[in-house]
C-alpha cells in the first residue's frame, strides 16, 4: 500500500496548485518575451551602427546623448521615419537601399554617415572585431548611387583641426587619421579640411547631410572629450528647431522589427487593460480554488407538498390568464362549507339555498357576493369578490 499512498501524494491540491502557478507564470513569461524579443537584440556584432560597442560602432554617442538629456531613440521600424527629429543613418557597405528612407525624409533633417573601415571577428574575444583596413572607396561612393554620384578621397591628416565652413565656430573637430573626405555635384561644404576636402556636406537644398568620416561620431571618436563635445554640438545644430530627441536608425543594419500587436498589450495605453484582465483572471482563479461561503443547494424545480402543488397550479392559471373564471367555483366552495357549518336543511337547493344564506343576516348578502364572483371580468375583480365571500363566512362563524 505504500506505493499507492506515494502516488496519491503527487496529486495533492497543493502540488497541483504549484504546478498551475508555474505553468501560468511560464506562459506569461513566454508572451512577454515574444513581445519584446526584437528590442532585446543587443546588436553586438561588431558592426557600424547605433547598437554596436565596437570601435566602428555608434553606441557611445547614443549613450552620451542620453546622459545629456537629448532623448535618443533607436528606430527599429520604418513607421518612425516620419519623426521631425534628426535621423542618423549608418549604412555599412554601400549596398543598402537608402531610397525608402530618403523618400520619407524629403524635408526632414537626416544625417547619413558613410562607411570607412572593414573589420574581422576577433578570435580572442567572442563578439569583438578588429580593424582590417579601409573599405574599398567604391563602397562609400555607392551609398547614394544612382541618385547622387560621390567621390571619396583618403589622405593623411596629421590630426590637424578641421575647418567649420558653414557651421558654428564652436563645432571644432580634430581630423581622424587617416581622414576620409567626399566630393560631388550639389554637395555644399559645411566642414572641410585644410585642402578643402568636404568632411560634412549638405546635398542640395533639403536637410540631407553627409558625414564623410565616421570616426568623428563613432566610439573611437567618443574616447576624446573634446571630440565628444563637438559631436553633440554638431547633432544639435543639424537637428530641426524645437526638436526634443534624436533618432538612430538600425533597420538598415538588419535590426528592424515589424509592428507587433502583442507588444501593444504591454505598452500604454493598453497596459491598463492588460492589467485589468489579469486581475479579473486572478480573481476567477481564486474563486475556482476557494469557495466564498457555504455551498447553496439549488431549489427543486417542483417542490414537495400540497402547498407547492397549489402554488404551481395557481402559477399555471395566472400564466394562462384564467383567474376571472375561478370566481363561480370559489362561490360554490363557500356555499358547500356554509351548508355544513350552519346546518342548512338538505332539502334546500339553488335559489332557495341562497335565500336561506341571505337570511342569516350581516352586512352583505351571500347571493350578491356570489353573483359578483361569477361575473368577475379580470383577476382584480375576482380577488375582491373572493375576499368578500371569505369575510362573509368569517362573520357568520364558519
Protein backbone atom coordinates (compact mmCIF):
# COMPACT_ATOMS: atom_id res chain seq x y z
CA UNK A 1 0.00 0.00 0.00
CA UNK A 2 2.92 2.37 0.48
CA UNK A 3 3.49 2.99 -3.26
CA UNK A 4 -0.19 3.77 -3.67
CA UNK A 5 -0.03 6.45 -0.95
CA UNK A 6 3.03 7.97 -2.63
CA UNK A 7 1.27 8.12 -5.98
CA UNK A 8 -1.69 9.89 -4.42
CA UNK A 9 0.63 12.38 -2.74
CA UNK A 10 1.86 13.59 -6.12
CA UNK A 11 -1.64 14.91 -6.88
CA UNK A 12 -2.39 16.72 -3.65
CA UNK A 13 -4.17 20.10 -4.07
CA UNK A 14 -1.06 22.00 -3.01
CA UNK A 15 1.09 20.18 -5.59
CA UNK A 16 -1.45 20.82 -8.35
CA UNK A 17 -1.70 24.50 -7.36
CA UNK A 18 2.09 24.90 -7.52
CA UNK A 19 2.21 23.27 -10.95
CA UNK A 20 -0.58 25.56 -12.18
CA UNK A 21 1.20 28.68 -10.90
CA UNK A 22 4.48 27.63 -12.54
CA UNK A 23 2.70 26.90 -15.81
CA UNK A 24 0.82 30.21 -15.82
CA UNK A 25 3.95 32.21 -15.00
CA UNK A 26 5.87 30.37 -17.71
CA UNK A 27 3.13 31.10 -20.24
CA UNK A 28 3.03 34.80 -19.31
CA UNK A 29 6.82 34.98 -19.49
CA UNK A 30 6.73 33.47 -22.97
CA UNK A 31 4.18 36.08 -24.07
CA UNK A 32 6.25 38.96 -22.70
CA UNK A 33 9.49 37.69 -24.24
CA UNK A 34 7.73 37.15 -27.55
CA UNK A 35 6.51 40.74 -27.47
CA UNK A 36 9.83 42.41 -26.59
CA UNK A 37 12.28 39.95 -28.18
CA UNK A 38 13.15 42.26 -31.12
CA UNK A 39 14.07 45.04 -28.68
CA UNK A 40 16.32 42.69 -26.69
CA UNK A 41 18.64 42.05 -29.60
CA UNK A 42 21.85 43.60 -28.41
CA UNK A 43 23.37 44.26 -31.82
CA UNK A 44 26.83 43.45 -30.51
CA UNK A 45 28.05 42.04 -33.78
CA UNK A 46 30.92 44.46 -34.28
CA UNK A 47 29.05 46.43 -36.93
CA UNK A 48 28.97 50.17 -37.58
CA UNK A 49 25.55 51.04 -36.13
CA UNK A 50 23.97 52.62 -33.07
CA UNK A 51 23.76 49.35 -31.10
CA UNK A 52 27.40 48.36 -31.57
CA UNK A 53 30.06 48.69 -28.87
CA UNK A 54 32.87 48.09 -31.35
CA UNK A 55 35.31 50.86 -32.25
CA UNK A 56 33.42 51.40 -35.51
CA UNK A 57 30.02 51.41 -33.77
CA UNK A 58 28.00 54.38 -32.52
CA UNK A 59 26.62 53.24 -29.18
CA UNK A 60 28.90 55.76 -27.44
CA UNK A 61 27.25 58.82 -28.97
CA UNK A 62 23.83 57.29 -28.20
CA UNK A 63 24.70 56.84 -24.51
CA UNK A 64 26.26 60.29 -24.38
CA UNK A 65 23.15 61.86 -25.89
CA UNK A 66 21.02 60.03 -23.36
CA UNK A 67 23.19 61.12 -20.46
CA UNK A 68 22.93 64.77 -21.55
CA UNK A 69 19.13 64.76 -21.85
CA UNK A 70 18.82 64.59 -25.65
CA UNK A 71 16.43 61.59 -25.51
CA UNK A 72 17.93 59.41 -28.25
CA UNK A 73 15.64 56.78 -29.79
CA UNK A 74 16.63 53.61 -31.61
CA UNK A 75 14.48 53.27 -34.73
CA UNK A 76 13.64 49.62 -35.42
CA UNK A 77 10.52 50.24 -37.51
CA UNK A 78 10.12 52.33 -40.66
CA UNK A 79 6.88 53.77 -39.24
CA UNK A 80 9.12 56.04 -37.14
CA UNK A 81 10.82 57.56 -40.18
CA UNK A 82 8.26 60.37 -40.11
CA UNK A 83 9.72 61.91 -36.96
CA UNK A 84 10.68 65.59 -37.13
CA UNK A 85 13.85 64.87 -35.16
CA UNK A 86 17.24 64.36 -36.76
CA UNK A 87 17.57 60.80 -38.08
CA UNK A 88 21.10 59.38 -38.11
CA UNK A 89 21.57 56.62 -40.72
CA UNK A 90 24.67 54.39 -40.75
CA UNK A 91 24.98 52.19 -43.86
CA UNK A 92 27.83 49.69 -43.52
CA UNK A 93 28.66 48.54 -47.04
CA UNK A 94 27.09 50.82 -49.62
CA UNK A 95 24.78 48.05 -50.82
CA UNK A 96 21.91 49.11 -48.56
CA UNK A 97 18.82 50.67 -50.13
CA UNK A 98 18.53 54.27 -48.91
CA UNK A 99 15.65 55.02 -51.26
CA UNK A 100 12.85 54.18 -48.84
CA UNK A 101 14.40 56.32 -46.13
CA UNK A 102 15.18 59.31 -48.34
CA UNK A 103 11.68 59.22 -49.82
CA UNK A 104 10.18 59.52 -46.32
CA UNK A 105 12.70 62.14 -45.17
CA UNK A 106 12.48 64.66 -48.01
CA UNK A 107 12.18 67.80 -45.89
CA UNK A 108 13.23 66.38 -42.55
CA UNK A 109 16.78 66.50 -41.18
CA UNK A 110 18.72 63.35 -41.99
CA UNK A 111 22.41 62.62 -41.42
CA UNK A 112 23.97 59.77 -43.43
CA UNK A 113 27.35 58.58 -42.15
CA UNK A 114 29.47 56.93 -44.84
CA UNK A 115 31.28 53.67 -44.03
CA UNK A 116 35.06 53.68 -43.78
CA UNK A 117 36.52 50.64 -42.05
CA UNK A 118 36.27 46.94 -42.71
CA UNK A 119 36.50 44.59 -39.74
CA UNK A 120 37.04 40.90 -38.99
CA UNK A 121 35.96 38.89 -35.92
CA UNK A 122 38.41 38.88 -33.05
CA UNK A 123 39.41 35.24 -32.47
CA UNK A 124 40.39 36.01 -28.89
CA UNK A 125 37.10 37.54 -27.69
CA UNK A 126 33.67 36.48 -28.87
CA UNK A 127 31.60 39.37 -30.23
CA UNK A 128 34.62 41.65 -30.72
CA UNK A 129 36.13 42.71 -34.02
CA UNK A 130 39.43 44.00 -35.28
CA UNK A 131 40.07 46.61 -37.94
CA UNK A 132 41.18 45.00 -41.17
CA UNK A 133 41.95 48.14 -43.11
CA UNK A 134 39.90 50.63 -45.07
CA UNK A 135 36.94 49.65 -47.17
CA UNK A 136 37.35 49.98 -50.93
CA UNK A 137 36.35 53.52 -51.89
CA UNK A 138 33.66 52.13 -54.16
CA UNK A 139 31.62 51.12 -51.11
CA UNK A 140 31.10 54.58 -49.55
CA UNK A 141 30.77 56.05 -53.04
CA UNK A 142 27.85 53.67 -53.73
CA UNK A 143 25.80 54.71 -50.70
CA UNK A 144 23.74 57.33 -52.63
CA UNK A 145 24.06 55.74 -56.08
CA UNK A 146 22.48 56.19 -58.52
CA UNK A 147 20.67 59.24 -57.08
CA UNK A 148 23.91 61.09 -56.25
CA UNK A 149 27.41 60.39 -57.50
CA UNK A 150 30.08 60.93 -54.85
CA UNK A 151 33.86 60.70 -54.98
CA UNK A 152 35.67 59.59 -51.83
CA UNK A 153 39.28 60.52 -51.04
CA UNK A 154 41.59 59.45 -48.19
CA UNK A 155 44.68 61.30 -47.07
CA UNK A 156 46.96 61.71 -44.10
CA UNK A 157 45.67 64.41 -41.80
CA UNK A 158 48.22 64.64 -39.04
CA UNK A 159 45.31 65.17 -36.64
CA UNK A 160 45.05 68.83 -37.62
CA UNK A 161 41.85 70.74 -36.80
CA UNK A 162 39.03 70.66 -39.28
CA UNK A 163 37.65 73.97 -40.51
CA UNK A 164 33.98 74.99 -39.97
CA UNK A 165 32.86 76.25 -43.38
CA UNK A 166 29.17 76.82 -42.68
CA UNK A 167 28.60 75.66 -39.12
CA UNK A 168 29.08 77.47 -35.79
CA UNK A 169 32.68 78.02 -34.74
CA UNK A 170 32.06 76.03 -31.57
CA UNK A 171 31.93 72.84 -33.62
CA UNK A 172 35.64 72.07 -33.67
CA UNK A 173 36.93 68.62 -34.57
CA UNK A 174 40.43 67.25 -34.88
CA UNK A 175 40.86 65.30 -38.10
CA UNK A 176 40.88 61.49 -37.76
CA UNK A 177 43.85 59.52 -39.07
CA UNK A 178 43.56 58.89 -41.94
CA UNK A 179 40.88 61.38 -42.98
CA UNK A 180 38.11 60.42 -45.39
CA UNK A 181 36.56 63.22 -47.44
CA UNK A 182 33.92 63.34 -50.15
CA UNK A 183 33.16 65.45 -53.20
CA UNK A 184 30.19 65.55 -55.52
CA UNK A 185 27.90 67.71 -57.58
CA UNK A 186 25.39 69.61 -55.48
CA UNK A 187 27.28 68.94 -52.24
CA UNK A 188 27.59 72.11 -50.15
CA UNK A 189 30.56 72.06 -47.70
CA UNK A 190 29.80 72.55 -44.00
CA UNK A 191 33.07 71.24 -42.51
CA UNK A 192 36.28 70.89 -44.56
CA UNK A 193 39.91 70.02 -44.05
CA UNK A 194 42.89 72.23 -44.81
CA UNK A 195 42.81 71.29 -48.51
CA UNK A 196 39.13 71.99 -48.95
CA UNK A 197 38.01 68.38 -48.86
CA UNK A 198 34.45 68.08 -47.61
CA UNK A 199 34.09 66.20 -44.33
CA UNK A 200 30.50 67.24 -43.72
CA UNK A 201 28.29 68.44 -46.54
CA UNK A 202 24.67 69.11 -47.45
CA UNK A 203 23.14 67.52 -50.53
CA UNK A 204 21.01 70.00 -52.44
CA UNK A 205 18.67 72.36 -50.62
CA UNK A 206 16.93 69.76 -48.46
CA UNK A 207 18.22 68.99 -44.94
CA UNK A 208 20.12 65.88 -46.10
CA UNK A 209 23.62 65.80 -44.65
CA UNK A 210 26.59 63.54 -45.44
CA UNK A 211 29.35 62.85 -42.94
CA UNK A 212 32.31 61.50 -44.91
CA UNK A 213 34.39 60.27 -41.98
CA UNK A 214 32.51 58.16 -39.38
CA UNK A 215 35.35 58.46 -36.85
CA UNK A 216 34.01 61.88 -35.82
CA UNK A 217 30.93 60.25 -34.23
CA UNK A 218 31.97 56.62 -33.75
CA UNK A 219 33.04 55.05 -30.47
CA UNK A 220 36.69 55.68 -31.24
CA UNK A 221 35.96 59.39 -31.51
CA UNK A 222 33.98 59.46 -28.24
CA UNK A 223 37.11 58.46 -26.36
CA UNK A 224 38.25 62.11 -26.58
CA UNK A 225 36.22 64.60 -24.51
CA UNK A 226 36.68 67.47 -26.99
CA UNK A 227 35.64 65.32 -29.93
CA UNK A 228 32.58 64.12 -27.97
CA UNK A 229 31.56 67.71 -27.11
CA UNK A 230 31.92 68.73 -30.74
CA UNK A 231 29.85 65.70 -31.82
CA UNK A 232 26.97 66.69 -29.53
CA UNK A 233 27.15 70.28 -30.75
CA UNK A 234 27.05 69.07 -34.36
CA UNK A 235 23.96 66.90 -33.77
CA UNK A 236 22.22 69.81 -32.04
CA UNK A 237 22.99 72.08 -34.98
CA UNK A 238 21.70 69.62 -37.57
CA UNK A 239 18.57 68.84 -35.60
CA UNK A 240 15.40 70.73 -36.53
CA UNK A 241 14.22 73.69 -34.50
CA UNK A 242 12.26 72.71 -31.43
CA UNK A 243 13.21 69.03 -31.68
CA UNK A 244 13.31 67.20 -28.36
CA UNK A 245 15.03 63.98 -29.42
CA UNK A 246 17.50 62.26 -31.72
CA UNK A 247 16.76 59.15 -33.78
CA UNK A 248 19.28 56.48 -34.77
CA UNK A 249 18.20 54.06 -37.47
CA UNK A 250 19.16 50.39 -37.22
CA UNK A 251 16.68 48.97 -39.76
CA UNK A 252 19.31 49.48 -42.47
CA UNK A 253 21.69 47.35 -40.38
CA UNK A 254 19.33 44.37 -40.08
CA UNK A 255 17.86 45.11 -36.66
CA UNK A 256 14.43 46.21 -37.75
CA UNK A 257 11.24 44.84 -36.25
CA UNK A 258 7.77 44.73 -37.76
CA UNK A 259 4.80 46.03 -35.72
CA UNK A 260 3.91 43.51 -33.01
CA UNK A 261 0.28 43.54 -31.81
CA UNK A 262 1.29 41.51 -28.76
CA UNK A 263 3.76 44.20 -27.73
CA UNK A 264 0.96 46.78 -27.70
CA UNK A 265 -0.68 44.86 -24.85
CA UNK A 266 2.32 45.69 -22.65
CA UNK A 267 2.56 49.36 -23.62
CA UNK A 268 0.41 52.35 -22.57
CA UNK A 269 -2.46 52.92 -23.00
CA UNK A 270 -3.27 49.22 -23.50
CA UNK A 271 -1.19 48.19 -20.47
CA UNK A 272 -4.01 49.30 -18.14
CA UNK A 273 -6.49 46.98 -19.89
CA UNK A 274 -3.99 44.11 -19.81
CA UNK A 275 -3.51 44.54 -16.05
CA UNK A 276 -7.27 44.73 -15.51
CA UNK A 277 -7.80 41.49 -17.45
CA UNK A 278 -5.01 39.84 -15.46
CA UNK A 279 -6.65 40.87 -12.16
CA UNK A 280 -10.02 39.54 -13.34
CA UNK A 281 -8.46 36.21 -14.34
CA UNK A 282 -6.70 36.03 -10.96
CA UNK A 283 -10.00 36.61 -9.14
CA UNK A 284 -11.69 33.93 -11.24
CA UNK A 285 -8.88 31.51 -10.41
CA UNK A 286 -9.16 32.26 -6.69
CA UNK A 287 -12.93 31.84 -6.89
CA UNK A 288 -12.47 28.49 -8.60
CA UNK A 289 -10.00 27.22 -5.99
CA UNK A 290 -11.58 28.64 -2.81
CA UNK A 291 -15.35 28.87 -2.19
CA UNK A 292 -16.73 32.10 -0.72
CA UNK A 293 -19.24 30.97 1.96
CA UNK A 294 -21.20 27.72 2.27
CA UNK A 295 -22.46 25.89 -0.77
CA UNK A 296 -26.03 26.81 -1.71
CA UNK A 297 -28.27 23.94 -2.63
CA UNK A 298 -30.25 24.55 -5.81
CA UNK A 299 -34.02 24.80 -5.44
CA UNK A 300 -36.19 22.00 -6.76
CA UNK A 301 -37.99 22.69 -9.99
CA UNK A 302 -41.15 21.16 -8.48
CA UNK A 303 -41.46 21.41 -4.68
CA UNK A 304 -42.98 18.76 -2.39
CA UNK A 305 -46.35 19.01 -0.53
CA UNK A 306 -49.88 20.29 -1.04
CA UNK A 307 -48.86 23.94 -0.70
CA UNK A 308 -46.34 23.53 -3.53
CA UNK A 309 -48.99 21.84 -5.66
CA UNK A 310 -51.41 24.69 -5.04
CA UNK A 311 -48.71 27.29 -5.81
CA UNK A 312 -47.79 25.56 -9.05
CA UNK A 313 -51.44 25.28 -10.09
CA UNK A 314 -52.03 28.93 -9.29
CA UNK A 315 -48.98 29.89 -11.31
CA UNK A 316 -50.24 27.95 -14.32
CA UNK A 317 -53.72 29.57 -14.08
CA UNK A 318 -52.13 33.02 -13.73
CA UNK A 319 -49.85 32.39 -16.70
CA UNK A 320 -52.89 31.31 -18.78
CA UNK A 321 -54.84 34.45 -17.74
CA UNK A 322 -57.86 32.45 -16.45
CA UNK A 323 -58.11 33.87 -12.91
CA UNK A 324 -61.50 35.50 -13.57
CA UNK A 325 -63.08 32.13 -14.42
CA UNK A 326 -62.49 30.81 -10.88
CA UNK A 327 -64.96 33.19 -9.18
CA UNK A 328 -68.04 30.99 -9.66
CA UNK A 329 -66.24 27.86 -8.43
CA UNK A 330 -64.98 29.64 -5.34
CA UNK A 331 -68.55 30.76 -4.54
CA UNK A 332 -69.69 27.10 -4.78
CA UNK A 333 -66.95 26.04 -2.38
CA UNK A 334 -68.01 28.69 0.15
CA UNK A 335 -71.69 27.65 -0.26
CA UNK A 336 -70.86 23.99 0.42
CA UNK A 337 -68.85 24.85 3.53
CA UNK A 338 -71.65 27.13 4.78
CA UNK A 339 -74.21 24.30 4.39
CA UNK A 340 -72.04 22.02 6.51
CA UNK A 341 -71.18 24.72 9.07
CA UNK A 342 -74.62 26.29 9.60
CA UNK A 343 -76.82 23.19 9.49
CA UNK A 344 -78.76 24.18 6.39
CA UNK A 345 -81.64 21.77 5.66
CA UNK A 346 -80.72 19.24 2.98
CA UNK A 347 -83.94 19.87 1.00
CA UNK A 348 -82.84 23.41 0.03
CA UNK A 349 -81.10 23.85 -3.33
CA UNK A 350 -80.05 26.65 -5.71
CA UNK A 351 -82.13 29.84 -5.19
CA UNK A 352 -83.79 28.55 -2.02
CA UNK A 353 -80.37 27.76 -0.55
CA UNK A 354 -79.04 31.21 -1.42
CA UNK A 355 -82.18 32.82 0.09
CA UNK A 356 -81.60 30.87 3.29
CA UNK A 357 -77.98 32.03 3.45
CA UNK A 358 -79.07 35.62 2.78
CA UNK A 359 -81.39 35.34 5.74
CA UNK A 360 -78.53 34.69 8.12
CA UNK A 361 -78.04 38.47 8.29
CA UNK A 362 -74.88 40.50 8.15
CA UNK A 363 -73.60 43.42 6.12
CA UNK A 364 -73.55 41.72 2.72
CA UNK A 365 -75.92 39.19 1.17
CA UNK A 366 -74.42 35.88 0.09
CA UNK A 367 -76.25 35.88 -3.25
CA UNK A 368 -74.85 39.32 -4.14
CA UNK A 369 -71.29 38.24 -3.31
CA UNK A 370 -71.68 35.00 -5.28
CA UNK A 371 -73.03 36.87 -8.33
CA UNK A 372 -70.09 39.35 -8.21
CA UNK A 373 -67.68 36.40 -8.12
CA UNK A 374 -69.34 34.72 -11.13
CA UNK A 375 -69.44 37.99 -13.13
CA UNK A 376 -65.77 38.95 -12.47
CA UNK A 377 -64.02 40.08 -15.67
CA UNK A 378 -60.41 40.02 -14.53
CA UNK A 379 -58.24 38.87 -11.72
CA UNK A 380 -58.67 42.03 -9.64
CA UNK A 381 -62.50 41.82 -9.63
CA UNK A 382 -62.38 38.11 -8.86
CA UNK A 383 -59.98 38.68 -5.96
CA UNK A 384 -62.21 41.39 -4.47
CA UNK A 385 -65.30 39.14 -4.71
CA UNK A 386 -63.43 36.18 -3.18
CA UNK A 387 -62.26 38.36 -0.28
CA UNK A 388 -65.89 39.45 0.27
CA UNK A 389 -67.07 35.83 0.41
CA UNK A 390 -64.28 34.98 2.84
CA UNK A 391 -65.26 37.85 5.17
CA UNK A 392 -68.93 36.82 4.96
CA UNK A 393 -68.02 33.31 6.07
CA UNK A 394 -65.92 34.61 8.95
CA UNK A 395 -68.70 36.96 10.14
CA UNK A 396 -71.10 34.00 10.32
CA UNK A 397 -68.60 31.97 12.31
CA UNK A 398 -67.98 29.45 9.55
